[in-house]
Amino acid sequence: MGPDAGREWHSYIGPVKPTSTKARQPTVLPSAYLTLLVGTALYLVLLAVILGPQVMAEQPLPTPDLRAAGLSNVPELVIPFQVSSEHGGRRITLIGAYADSARTVLFLRVKPDVGVPDNLTVSDGQGIMNAGGHTLSGAPGDYVYAVNSGPRTGADHIANLTAQVFELRPVALITAPTERLKGTWTLTFVLPVHQASPLATESPFQLGAWKVTIEVLEVTPAVVHLQAVIDGANVEEIGQGLDSGISLLDKSGAPVSSVAAEVETTISKEDLNPATGPPNSARVKLQWLRPRSAGTYQLRFRGNGQTHTIAITIPALAQA
């Protein structure tokens, strides 16, 4: 299963810096998510008081932006901003942001619309977030940048973030390439990070000669997040057809839309031994859109000529 149509994807191999039981009855957890929504509303009020109207925006984000980011189900959790940076007569404005423990999403508006924000880094209080990412187009002049990781925070679950854009990549015909527009645009802001709820699962299990160990299986307000280590297979074996190799299926057997997929080695680049080469294991990280309705879903692993399916129960997404 390849990436969704209309999405721009970047897959990263290796730890390099950028470019996852038995079935039981569904459980609805309205109180936890009601608390989440109330907490977000209180945070917005506090942030508006502290930072003032020059930072917080009043208008909601355009629908195409939310759709591109896969956040149409939880628009109330996207924080609107109005934080701008200008270089060479070109302005980039952060118009919104969302973060949970698995994903960070920035909504960027470029005026004039001369290209896609590229060569972009996002840093939290502990440094650059070293994870894969991808850029999507939203409404005209708007771009969505998603990092496949949540920011690191303190006990208050508030992240201090800085995004830096170093290039704008013009969209040009192959026959008429244009130069990237270089500069430095810096956007600094604070953002609440929504927490995840773990999902019950079985681990480890065998997939033929491969051993699969699930490190993380959780649900956030926006995504279902899986992180797993596969011993007995290298990055190249897993990377080819990762989306079809691991998929989340609804009760009808239809695949749930994926929003991120990457594979990396299980040791750092610095620890690689040139004499022995990469380890015969790989770490996979995948995210799927959080289903709104409660139910039992199938997490299916295919590889090495085998198939293994795990039933997981996902609670309903609370209504705003």
C-alpha atoms as a PDB file:
ATOM      1  CA  MET A   1       0.000   0.000   0.000  1.00  0.00           C
ATOM      2  CA  GLY A   2       1.662   3.214  -1.146  1.00  0.00           C
ATOM      3  CA  PRO A   3       1.209   6.701   0.294  1.00  0.00           C
ATOM      4  CA  ASP A   4      -2.099   8.458  -0.076  1.00  0.00           C
ATOM      5  CA  ALA A   5      -2.739  10.289  -3.325  1.00  0.00           C
ATOM      6  CA  GLY A   6      -1.910  13.960  -3.221  1.00  0.00           C
ATOM      7  CA  ARG A   7       0.504  13.631  -0.324  1.00  0.00           C
ATOM      8  CA  GLU A   8       4.191  14.453  -0.522  1.00  0.00           C
ATOM      9  CA  TRP A   9       6.221  11.904   1.430  1.00  0.00           C
ATOM     10  CA  HIS A  10       9.818  11.651   2.577  1.00  0.00           C
ATOM     11  CA  SER A  11      11.019   8.321   3.964  1.00  0.00           C
ATOM     12  CA  TYR A  12      14.228   8.215   5.950  1.00  0.00           C
ATOM     13  CA  ILE A  13      16.470   5.184   6.215  1.00  0.00           C
ATOM     14  CA  GLY A  14      18.900   5.114   9.104  1.00  0.00           C
ATOM     15  CA  PRO A  15      19.173   7.486  12.041  1.00  0.00           C
ATOM     16  CA  VAL A  16      19.998  10.484   9.899  1.00  0.00           C
ATOM     17  CA  LYS A  17      18.327  13.800  10.568  1.00  0.00           C
ATOM     18  CA  PRO A  18      15.567  14.786   8.035  1.00  0.00           C
ATOM     19  CA  THR A  19      14.972  16.232   4.674  1.00  0.00           C
ATOM     20  CA  SER A  20       5.097   1.762  15.496  1.00  0.00           C
ATOM     21  CA  THR A  21      -4.602  -9.414  22.869  1.00  0.00           C
ATOM     22  CA  LYS A  22      -7.454 -10.541  22.544  1.00  0.00           C
ATOM     23  CA  ALA A  23     -10.352  -8.560  21.221  1.00  0.00           C
ATOM     24  CA  ARG A  24     -12.556  -6.962  23.821  1.00  0.00           C
ATOM     25  CA  GLN A  25     -15.634  -4.770  23.846  1.00  0.00           C
ATOM     26  CA  PRO A  26     -15.059  -1.143  22.778  1.00  0.00           C
ATOM     27  CA  THR A  27     -14.628   1.301  25.610  1.00  0.00           C
ATOM     28  CA  VAL A  28     -15.717   4.917  25.344  1.00  0.00           C
ATOM     29  CA  LEU A  29     -13.732   7.385  27.410  1.00  0.00           C
ATOM     30  CA  PRO A  30     -15.636  10.683  27.178  1.00  0.00           C
ATOM     31  CA  SER A  31     -14.468  12.061  30.513  1.00  0.00           C
ATOM     32  CA  ALA A  32     -10.771  11.911  29.654  1.00  0.00           C
ATOM     33  CA  TYR A  33     -11.236  13.673  26.354  1.00  0.00           C
ATOM     34  CA  LEU A  34     -13.651  16.180  27.813  1.00  0.00           C
ATOM     35  CA  THR A  35     -10.910  17.059  30.283  1.00  0.00           C
ATOM     36  CA  LEU A  36      -8.519  17.341  27.341  1.00  0.00           C
ATOM     37  CA  LEU A  37     -10.781  19.778  25.503  1.00  0.00           C
ATOM     38  CA  VAL A  38     -11.413  21.873  28.610  1.00  0.00           C
ATOM     39  CA  GLY A  39      -7.691  21.970  29.329  1.00  0.00           C
ATOM     40  CA  THR A  40      -6.974  23.125  25.786  1.00  0.00           C
ATOM     41  CA  ALA A  41      -9.557  25.912  26.079  1.00  0.00           C
ATOM     42  CA  LEU A  42      -8.049  27.109  29.356  1.00  0.00           C
ATOM     43  CA  TYR A  43      -4.601  27.023  27.793  1.00  0.00           C
ATOM     44  CA  LEU A  44      -5.775  29.189  24.895  1.00  0.00           C
ATOM     45  CA  VAL A  45      -7.095  31.787  27.315  1.00  0.00           C
ATOM     46  CA  LEU A  46      -3.841  31.768  29.296  1.00  0.00           C
ATOM     47  CA  LEU A  47      -1.715  31.973  26.160  1.00  0.00           C
ATOM     48  CA  ALA A  48      -3.746  34.881  24.794  1.00  0.00           C
ATOM     49  CA  VAL A  49      -3.347  36.775  28.068  1.00  0.00           C
ATOM     50  CA  ILE A  50       0.404  36.160  28.308  1.00  0.00           C
ATOM     51  CA  LEU A  51       1.416  36.637  24.684  1.00  0.00           C
ATOM     52  CA  GLY A  52      -1.212  39.084  23.529  1.00  0.00           C
ATOM     53  CA  PRO A  53      -3.204  39.404  20.308  1.00  0.00           C
ATOM     54  CA  GLN A  54      -0.089  39.869  18.195  1.00  0.00           C
ATOM     55  CA  VAL A  55       0.618  36.128  18.580  1.00  0.00           C
ATOM     56  CA  MET A  56      -2.759  34.408  18.858  1.00  0.00           C
ATOM     57  CA  ALA A  57      -4.919  34.449  15.742  1.00  0.00           C
ATOM     58  CA  GLU A  58      -8.698  34.780  15.875  1.00  0.00           C
ATOM     59  CA  GLN A  59      -9.705  33.056  12.642  1.00  0.00           C
ATOM     60  CA  PRO A  60      -9.873  29.239  12.293  1.00  0.00           C
ATOM     61  CA  LEU A  61      -7.592  27.518   9.837  1.00  0.00           C
ATOM     62  CA  PRO A  62      -8.801  26.886   6.280  1.00  0.00           C
ATOM     63  CA  THR A  63     -10.475  23.534   5.735  1.00  0.00           C
ATOM     64  CA  PRO A  64      -7.956  22.431   3.049  1.00  0.00           C
ATOM     65  CA  ASP A  65      -5.135  22.938   5.563  1.00  0.00           C
ATOM     66  CA  LEU A  66      -6.834  20.771   8.189  1.00  0.00           C
ATOM     67  CA  ARG A  67      -7.662  18.119   5.615  1.00  0.00           C
ATOM     68  CA  ALA A  68      -4.077  17.993   4.341  1.00  0.00           C
ATOM     69  CA  ALA A  69      -2.800  17.574   7.900  1.00  0.00           C
ATOM     70  CA  GLY A  70      -5.285  14.827   8.729  1.00  0.00           C
ATOM     71  CA  LEU A  71      -6.737  16.942  11.534  1.00  0.00           C
ATOM     72  CA  SER A  72     -10.255  17.518  10.217  1.00  0.00           C
ATOM     73  CA  ASN A  73     -11.650  15.347  13.024  1.00  0.00           C
ATOM     74  CA  VAL A  74     -10.092  17.496  15.759  1.00  0.00           C
ATOM     75  CA  PRO A  75      -9.989  21.093  14.434  1.00  0.00           C
ATOM     76  CA  GLU A  76     -10.669  22.406  17.947  1.00  0.00           C
ATOM     77  CA  LEU A  77      -7.285  21.052  19.072  1.00  0.00           C
ATOM     78  CA  VAL A  78      -5.333  23.018  16.467  1.00  0.00           C
ATOM     79  CA  ILE A  79      -3.998  26.205  18.067  1.00  0.00           C
ATOM     80  CA  PRO A  80      -4.258  29.265  15.772  1.00  0.00           C
ATOM     81  CA  PHE A  81      -1.240  31.578  15.728  1.00  0.00           C
ATOM     82  CA  GLN A  82      -0.030  34.707  13.992  1.00  0.00           C
ATOM     83  CA  VAL A  83       3.764  34.490  14.295  1.00  0.00           C
ATOM     84  CA  SER A  84       5.731  35.866  11.321  1.00  0.00           C
ATOM     85  CA  SER A  85       9.298  36.092  10.079  1.00  0.00           C
ATOM     86  CA  GLU A  86      10.484  37.996   7.014  1.00  0.00           C
ATOM     87  CA  HIS A  87      13.593  37.681   4.864  1.00  0.00           C
ATOM     88  CA  GLY A  88      14.281  39.301   1.499  1.00  0.00           C
ATOM     89  CA  GLY A  89      10.730  40.610   1.177  1.00  0.00           C
ATOM     90  CA  ARG A  90       9.264  37.142   1.676  1.00  0.00           C
ATOM     91  CA  ARG A  91       7.194  36.483   4.787  1.00  0.00           C
ATOM     92  CA  ILE A  92       6.462  33.127   6.415  1.00  0.00           C
ATOM     93  CA  THR A  93       3.708  33.109   9.036  1.00  0.00           C
ATOM     94  CA  LEU A  94       2.872  30.337  11.451  1.00  0.00           C
ATOM     95  CA  ILE A  95      -0.927  30.340  11.339  1.00  0.00           C
ATOM     96  CA  GLY A  96      -1.531  27.249  13.449  1.00  0.00           C
ATOM     97  CA  ALA A  97       0.051  24.251  15.161  1.00  0.00           C
ATOM     98  CA  TYR A  98      -0.826  20.940  16.770  1.00  0.00           C
ATOM     99  CA  ALA A  99       1.253  18.467  18.774  1.00  0.00           C
ATOM    100  CA  ASP A 100       0.760  15.180  20.563  1.00  0.00           C
ATOM    101  CA  SER A 101       3.181  12.576  21.842  1.00  0.00           C
ATOM    102  CA  ALA A 102       3.610  11.088  18.348  1.00  0.00           C
ATOM    103  CA  ARG A 103       3.307  14.008  15.927  1.00  0.00           C
ATOM    104  CA  THR A 104       3.989  17.740  15.528  1.00  0.00           C
ATOM    105  CA  VAL A 105       2.200  19.710  12.795  1.00  0.00           C
ATOM    106  CA  LEU A 106       2.917  23.273  11.691  1.00  0.00           C
ATOM    107  CA  PHE A 107       0.697  25.330   9.377  1.00  0.00           C
ATOM    108  CA  LEU A 108       2.769  27.846   7.413  1.00  0.00           C
ATOM    109  CA  ARG A 109       1.602  30.653   5.105  1.00  0.00           C
ATOM    110  CA  VAL A 110       4.046  32.071   2.531  1.00  0.00           C
ATOM    111  CA  LYS A 111       3.570  35.585   1.103  1.00  0.00           C
ATOM    112  CA  PRO A 112       4.167  36.058  -1.725  1.00  0.00           C
ATOM    113  CA  ASP A 113       3.654  32.410  -2.539  1.00  0.00           C
ATOM    114  CA  VAL A 114       7.014  31.791  -4.204  1.00  0.00           C
ATOM    115  CA  GLY A 115       7.641  28.240  -3.050  1.00  0.00           C
ATOM    116  CA  VAL A 116       7.354  25.426  -0.552  1.00  0.00           C
ATOM    117  CA  PRO A 117       9.105  25.876   2.833  1.00  0.00           C
ATOM    118  CA  ASP A 118      12.062  23.502   2.671  1.00  0.00           C
ATOM    119  CA  ASN A 119      15.219  22.637   4.591  1.00  0.00           C
ATOM    120  CA  LEU A 120      13.194  23.100   7.766  1.00  0.00           C
ATOM    121  CA  THR A 121      14.092  22.206  11.355  1.00  0.00           C
ATOM    122  CA  VAL A 122      11.951  22.139  14.489  1.00  0.00           C
ATOM    123  CA  SER A 123      13.583  22.382  17.919  1.00  0.00           C
ATOM    124  CA  ASP A 124      12.102  21.879  21.360  1.00  0.00           C
ATOM    125  CA  GLY A 125      13.649  22.636  24.745  1.00  0.00           C
ATOM    126  CA  GLN A 126      16.179  19.815  24.295  1.00  0.00           C
ATOM    127  CA  GLY A 127      17.376  20.561  20.766  1.00  0.00           C
ATOM    128  CA  ILE A 128      16.442  19.660  17.202  1.00  0.00           C
ATOM    129  CA  MET A 129      13.704  17.047  16.866  1.00  0.00           C
ATOM    130  CA  ASN A 130      15.546  14.327  14.955  1.00  0.00           C
ATOM    131  CA  ALA A 131      12.706  12.576  13.164  1.00  0.00           C
ATOM    132  CA  GLY A 132      11.279  12.116   9.704  1.00  0.00           C
ATOM    133  CA  GLY A 133       8.890  14.652   8.264  1.00  0.00           C
ATOM    134  CA  HIS A 134       6.943  15.640   5.183  1.00  0.00           C
ATOM    135  CA  THR A 135       5.403  18.738   3.628  1.00  0.00           C
ATOM    136  CA  LEU A 136       1.881  18.966   2.206  1.00  0.00           C
ATOM    137  CA  SER A 137       0.050  21.702   0.334  1.00  0.00           C
ATOM    138  CA  GLY A 138      -3.117  23.205   1.822  1.00  0.00           C
ATOM    139  CA  ALA A 139      -5.071  26.252   0.707  1.00  0.00           C
ATOM    140  CA  PRO A 140      -3.279  28.502  -1.835  1.00  0.00           C
ATOM    141  CA  GLY A 141      -0.111  29.827  -0.202  1.00  0.00           C
ATOM    142  CA  ASP A 142      -0.461  27.514   2.817  1.00  0.00           C
ATOM    143  CA  TYR A 143       1.788  24.551   3.604  1.00  0.00           C
ATOM    144  CA  VAL A 144       1.623  21.883   6.282  1.00  0.00           C
ATOM    145  CA  TYR A 145       4.834  20.511   7.765  1.00  0.00           C
ATOM    146  CA  ALA A 146       4.473  17.376   9.917  1.00  0.00           C
ATOM    147  CA  VAL A 147       7.213  15.870  12.077  1.00  0.00           C
ATOM    148  CA  ASN A 148       6.872  12.187  12.972  1.00  0.00           C
ATOM    149  CA  SER A 149       7.574  12.870  16.632  1.00  0.00           C
ATOM    150  CA  GLY A 150       6.069  14.757  19.518  1.00  0.00           C
ATOM    151  CA  PRO A 151       8.033  17.545  21.237  1.00  0.00           C
ATOM    152  CA  ARG A 152       9.841  16.845  24.495  1.00  0.00           C
ATOM    153  CA  THR A 153       8.248  18.684  27.406  1.00  0.00           C
ATOM    154  CA  GLY A 154       8.255  19.007  31.146  1.00  0.00           C
ATOM    155  CA  ALA A 155       5.565  17.871  33.563  1.00  0.00           C
ATOM    156  CA  ASP A 156       3.226  20.619  32.317  1.00  0.00           C
ATOM    157  CA  HIS A 157       3.125  19.104  28.781  1.00  0.00           C
ATOM    158  CA  ILE A 158       3.909  22.530  27.277  1.00  0.00           C
ATOM    159  CA  ALA A 159       6.549  22.682  24.550  1.00  0.00           C
ATOM    160  CA  ASN A 160       8.774  25.656  23.752  1.00  0.00           C
ATOM    161  CA  LEU A 161       9.316  25.349  20.014  1.00  0.00           C
ATOM    162  CA  THR A 162      11.416  27.079  17.383  1.00  0.00           C
ATOM    163  CA  ALA A 163      10.935  26.357  13.690  1.00  0.00           C
ATOM    164  CA  GLN A 164      13.523  27.548  11.187  1.00  0.00           C
ATOM    165  CA  VAL A 165      13.102  27.569   7.420  1.00  0.00           C
ATOM    166  CA  PHE A 166      16.252  27.969   5.332  1.00  0.00           C
ATOM    167  CA  GLU A 167      14.890  27.604   1.790  1.00  0.00           C
ATOM    168  CA  LEU A 168      11.791  28.111  -0.307  1.00  0.00           C
ATOM    169  CA  ARG A 169      11.518  25.555  -3.095  1.00  0.00           C
ATOM    170  CA  PRO A 170       9.731  26.953  -6.154  1.00  0.00           C
ATOM    171  CA  VAL A 171       7.270  24.611  -7.833  1.00  0.00           C
ATOM    172  CA  ALA A 172       8.594  24.510 -11.391  1.00  0.00           C
ATOM    173  CA  LEU A 173       8.313  22.345 -14.461  1.00  0.00           C
ATOM    174  CA  ILE A 174      11.023  19.727 -14.889  1.00  0.00           C
ATOM    175  CA  THR A 175      11.968  21.384 -18.150  1.00  0.00           C
ATOM    176  CA  ALA A 176      12.401  24.748 -16.434  1.00  0.00           C
ATOM    177  CA  PRO A 177      14.095  24.192 -13.058  1.00  0.00           C
ATOM    178  CA  THR A 178      14.499  27.206 -10.820  1.00  0.00           C
ATOM    179  CA  GLU A 179      16.880  27.934  -7.976  1.00  0.00           C
ATOM    180  CA  ARG A 180      15.837  27.539  -4.385  1.00  0.00           C
ATOM    181  CA  LEU A 181      15.342  30.795  -2.528  1.00  0.00           C
ATOM    182  CA  LYS A 182      17.664  30.792   0.460  1.00  0.00           C
ATOM    183  CA  GLY A 183      17.194  32.703   3.682  1.00  0.00           C
ATOM    184  CA  THR A 184      16.484  32.277   7.373  1.00  0.00           C
ATOM    185  CA  TRP A 185      12.976  32.487   8.750  1.00  0.00           C
ATOM    186  CA  THR A 186      12.651  31.842  12.509  1.00  0.00           C
ATOM    187  CA  LEU A 187       9.338  31.196  14.282  1.00  0.00           C
ATOM    188  CA  THR A 188       9.221  30.790  18.074  1.00  0.00           C
ATOM    189  CA  PHE A 189       6.091  29.763  20.001  1.00  0.00           C
ATOM    190  CA  VAL A 190       4.736  27.619  22.848  1.00  0.00           C
ATOM    191  CA  LEU A 191       2.329  24.753  22.319  1.00  0.00           C
ATOM    192  CA  PRO A 192       0.408  22.249  24.471  1.00  0.00           C
ATOM    193  CA  VAL A 193       1.258  18.612  23.731  1.00  0.00           C
ATOM    194  CA  HIS A 194      -1.685  16.210  23.909  1.00  0.00           C
ATOM    195  CA  GLN A 195      -0.939  12.910  25.582  1.00  0.00           C
ATOM    196  CA  ALA A 196      -1.570   9.398  24.298  1.00  0.00           C
ATOM    197  CA  SER A 197      -3.406   6.388  25.700  1.00  0.00           C
ATOM    198  CA  PRO A 198      -1.675   2.990  25.357  1.00  0.00           C
ATOM    199  CA  LEU A 199      -3.464   0.168  23.531  1.00  0.00           C
ATOM    200  CA  ALA A 200      -3.323  -3.421  24.766  1.00  0.00           C
ATOM    201  CA  THR A 201      -1.431  -5.754  22.455  1.00  0.00           C
ATOM    202  CA  GLU A 202       0.629  -8.922  22.301  1.00  0.00           C
ATOM    203  CA  SER A 203       4.401  -8.746  21.971  1.00  0.00           C
ATOM    204  CA  PRO A 204       6.781 -10.175  20.969  1.00  0.00           C
ATOM    205  CA  PHE A 205       5.699 -12.586  18.246  1.00  0.00           C
ATOM    206  CA  GLN A 206       7.271 -14.426  15.329  1.00  0.00           C
ATOM    207  CA  LEU A 207       6.744 -13.591  11.681  1.00  0.00           C
ATOM    208  CA  GLY A 208       8.438 -16.644  10.253  1.00  0.00           C
ATOM    209  CA  ALA A 209      12.124 -16.210  11.072  1.00  0.00           C
ATOM    210  CA  TRP A 210      11.560 -12.573  12.064  1.00  0.00           C
ATOM    211  CA  LYS A 211      10.874 -11.560  15.645  1.00  0.00           C
ATOM    212  CA  VAL A 212       8.601  -8.535  16.071  1.00  0.00           C
ATOM    213  CA  THR A 213       8.700  -6.591  19.343  1.00  0.00           C
ATOM    214  CA  ILE A 214       6.183  -3.762  19.740  1.00  0.00           C
ATOM    215  CA  GLU A 215       7.749  -0.878  21.658  1.00  0.00           C
ATOM    216  CA  VAL A 216       4.866   1.607  21.365  1.00  0.00           C
ATOM    217  CA  LEU A 217       1.223   1.131  20.444  1.00  0.00           C
ATOM    218  CA  GLU A 218      -0.931   4.079  21.441  1.00  0.00           C
ATOM    219  CA  VAL A 219      -3.742   6.338  20.348  1.00  0.00           C
ATOM    220  CA  THR A 220      -3.630  10.137  20.442  1.00  0.00           C
ATOM    221  CA  PRO A 221      -6.472  12.523  19.581  1.00  0.00           C
ATOM    222  CA  ALA A 222      -5.186  12.510  15.984  1.00  0.00           C
ATOM    223  CA  VAL A 223      -3.419   9.226  15.193  1.00  0.00           C
ATOM    224  CA  VAL A 224      -2.824   5.595  16.041  1.00  0.00           C
ATOM    225  CA  HIS A 225       0.926   5.290  16.589  1.00  0.00           C
ATOM    226  CA  LEU A 226       3.032   2.132  16.261  1.00  0.00           C
ATOM    227  CA  GLN A 227       6.742   1.692  16.903  1.00  0.00           C
ATOM    228  CA  ALA A 228       8.255  -1.792  16.643  1.00  0.00           C
ATOM    229  CA  VAL A 229      11.590  -3.539  16.199  1.00  0.00           C
ATOM    230  CA  ILE A 230      11.889  -6.375  13.688  1.00  0.00           C
ATOM    231  CA  ASP A 231      14.841  -8.676  14.342  1.00  0.00           C
ATOM    232  CA  GLY A 232      16.081 -10.813  11.460  1.00  0.00           C
ATOM    233  CA  ALA A 233      15.365  -8.256   8.729  1.00  0.00           C
ATOM    234  CA  ASN A 234      17.447  -5.294   7.632  1.00  0.00           C
ATOM    235  CA  VAL A 235      16.305  -1.787   6.746  1.00  0.00           C
ATOM    236  CA  GLU A 236      16.218  -2.469   3.010  1.00  0.00           C
ATOM    237  CA  GLU A 237      14.018  -5.549   3.407  1.00  0.00           C
ATOM    238  CA  ILE A 238      11.517  -3.737   5.605  1.00  0.00           C
ATOM    239  CA  GLY A 239      11.635  -0.422   3.743  1.00  0.00           C
ATOM    240  CA  GLN A 240      10.398  -1.929   0.496  1.00  0.00           C
ATOM    241  CA  GLY A 241       6.634  -1.990   0.848  1.00  0.00           C
ATOM    242  CA  LEU A 242       6.509  -0.837   4.455  1.00  0.00           C
ATOM    243  CA  ASP A 243       2.957   0.510   4.093  1.00  0.00           C
ATOM    244  CA  SER A 244       1.645  -2.774   2.701  1.00  0.00           C
ATOM    245  CA  GLY A 245       3.722  -4.836   5.120  1.00  0.00           C
ATOM    246  CA  ILE A 246       2.136  -3.266   8.205  1.00  0.00           C
ATOM    247  CA  SER A 247      -1.406  -1.935   7.977  1.00  0.00           C
ATOM    248  CA  LEU A 248      -4.387  -1.059  10.164  1.00  0.00           C
ATOM    249  CA  LEU A 249      -7.729  -2.428   8.955  1.00  0.00           C
ATOM    250  CA  ASP A 250     -11.272  -1.506   9.965  1.00  0.00           C
ATOM    251  CA  LYS A 251     -14.059  -4.038  10.606  1.00  0.00           C
ATOM    252  CA  SER A 252     -14.783  -4.288   6.878  1.00  0.00           C
ATOM    253  CA  GLY A 253     -11.159  -5.069   6.118  1.00  0.00           C
ATOM    254  CA  ALA A 254     -10.507  -1.693   4.497  1.00  0.00           C
ATOM    255  CA  PRO A 255      -7.179  -0.039   5.335  1.00  0.00           C
ATOM    256  CA  VAL A 256      -7.203   3.006   7.590  1.00  0.00           C
ATOM    257  CA  SER A 257      -5.436   5.974   5.968  1.00  0.00           C
ATOM    258  CA  SER A 258      -1.788   6.248   6.951  1.00  0.00           C
ATOM    259  CA  VAL A 259      -0.144   9.607   7.607  1.00  0.00           C
ATOM    260  CA  ALA A 260       3.476   8.612   8.302  1.00  0.00           C
ATOM    261  CA  ALA A 261       5.801   5.663   7.754  1.00  0.00           C
ATOM    262  CA  GLU A 262       9.540   5.357   8.249  1.00  0.00           C
ATOM    263  CA  VAL A 263      12.155   2.727   8.961  1.00  0.00           C
ATOM    264  CA  GLU A 264      15.587   3.121  10.543  1.00  0.00           C
ATOM    265  CA  THR A 265      18.427   1.072  11.958  1.00  0.00           C
ATOM    266  CA  THR A 266      18.289   0.078  15.599  1.00  0.00           C
ATOM    267  CA  ILE A 267      21.636   1.671  16.439  1.00  0.00           C
ATOM    268  CA  SER A 268      22.897   5.193  15.867  1.00  0.00           C
ATOM    269  CA  LYS A 269      24.980   6.197  12.883  1.00  0.00           C
ATOM    270  CA  GLU A 270      27.928   6.849  15.188  1.00  0.00           C
ATOM    271  CA  ASP A 271      27.804   3.277  16.519  1.00  0.00           C
ATOM    272  CA  LEU A 272      27.739   1.595  13.124  1.00  0.00           C
ATOM    273  CA  ASN A 273      30.742  -0.671  12.522  1.00  0.00           C
ATOM    274  CA  PRO A 274      31.959  -0.341   8.911  1.00  0.00           C
ATOM    275  CA  ALA A 275      33.465  -3.813   9.115  1.00  0.00           C
ATOM    276  CA  THR A 276      30.231  -5.572  10.025  1.00  0.00           C
ATOM    277  CA  GLY A 277      27.759  -3.183   8.428  1.00  0.00           C
ATOM    278  CA  PRO A 278      24.227  -2.368   9.653  1.00  0.00           C
ATOM    279  CA  PRO A 279      22.573  -4.733  12.130  1.00  0.00           C
ATOM    280  CA  ASN A 280      20.153  -7.361  10.904  1.00  0.00           C
ATOM    281  CA  SER A 281      17.243  -5.562  12.558  1.00  0.00           C
ATOM    282  CA  ALA A 282      15.109  -2.520  11.858  1.00  0.00           C
ATOM    283  CA  ARG A 283      12.848  -0.143  13.764  1.00  0.00           C
ATOM    284  CA  VAL A 284       9.581   0.861  12.099  1.00  0.00           C
ATOM    285  CA  LYS A 285       7.433   3.869  12.971  1.00  0.00           C
ATOM    286  CA  LEU A 286       3.935   4.209  11.523  1.00  0.00           C
ATOM    287  CA  GLN A 287       0.923   6.426  12.104  1.00  0.00           C
ATOM    288  CA  TRP A 288      -2.665   6.111  10.923  1.00  0.00           C
ATOM    289  CA  LEU A 289      -5.529   8.595  11.154  1.00  0.00           C
ATOM    290  CA  ARG A 290      -7.393   8.135  14.428  1.00  0.00           C
ATOM    291  CA  PRO A 291     -10.801   6.570  13.656  1.00  0.00           C
ATOM    292  CA  ARG A 292     -13.661   8.627  15.087  1.00  0.00           C
ATOM    293  CA  SER A 293     -15.846   5.626  15.901  1.00  0.00           C
ATOM    294  CA  ALA A 294     -15.032   3.027  18.528  1.00  0.00           C
ATOM    295  CA  GLY A 295     -14.420  -0.538  17.483  1.00  0.00           C
ATOM    296  CA  THR A 296     -12.079  -3.454  17.126  1.00  0.00           C
ATOM    297  CA  TYR A 297      -9.455  -2.942  14.429  1.00  0.00           C
ATOM    298  CA  GLN A 298      -6.924  -5.347  12.967  1.00  0.00           C
ATOM    299  CA  LEU A 299      -3.207  -4.556  13.031  1.00  0.00           C
ATOM    300  CA  ARG A 300      -1.788  -6.746  10.269  1.00  0.00           C
ATOM    301  CA  PHE A 301       1.887  -7.625   9.766  1.00  0.00           C
ATOM    302  CA  ARG A 302       3.035  -9.205   6.517  1.00  0.00           C
ATOM    303  CA  GLY A 303       6.571 -10.283   5.680  1.00  0.00           C
ATOM    304  CA  ASN A 304       8.954 -13.169   5.309  1.00  0.00           C
ATOM    305  CA  GLY A 305       6.125 -15.111   3.661  1.00  0.00           C
ATOM    306  CA  GLN A 306       3.952 -14.905   6.779  1.00  0.00           C
ATOM    307  CA  THR A 307       0.973 -12.903   8.096  1.00  0.00           C
ATOM    308  CA  HIS A 308       0.205 -12.095  11.722  1.00  0.00           C
ATOM    309  CA  THR A 309      -2.871 -10.124  12.818  1.00  0.00           C
ATOM    310  CA  ILE A 310      -3.544  -8.502  16.194  1.00  0.00           C
ATOM    311  CA  ALA A 311      -6.984  -7.267  17.273  1.00  0.00           C
ATOM    312  CA  ILE A 312      -6.859  -3.882  19.003  1.00  0.00           C
ATOM    313  CA  THR A 313      -9.693  -1.927  20.587  1.00  0.00           C
ATOM    314  CA  ILE A 314      -9.787   1.802  19.828  1.00  0.00           C
ATOM    315  CA  PRO A 315     -12.153   3.985  21.893  1.00  0.00           C
ATOM    316  CA  ALA A 316     -14.452   6.532  20.266  1.00  0.00           C
ATOM    317  CA  LEU A 317     -13.093   9.990  19.577  1.00  0.00           C
ATOM    318  CA  ALA A 318     -14.932  12.363  21.902  1.00  0.00           C
ATOM    319  CA  GLN A 319     -17.145  14.951  20.226  1.00  0.00           C
ATOM    320  CA  ALA A 320     -16.151  18.573  20.711  1.00  0.00           C
END
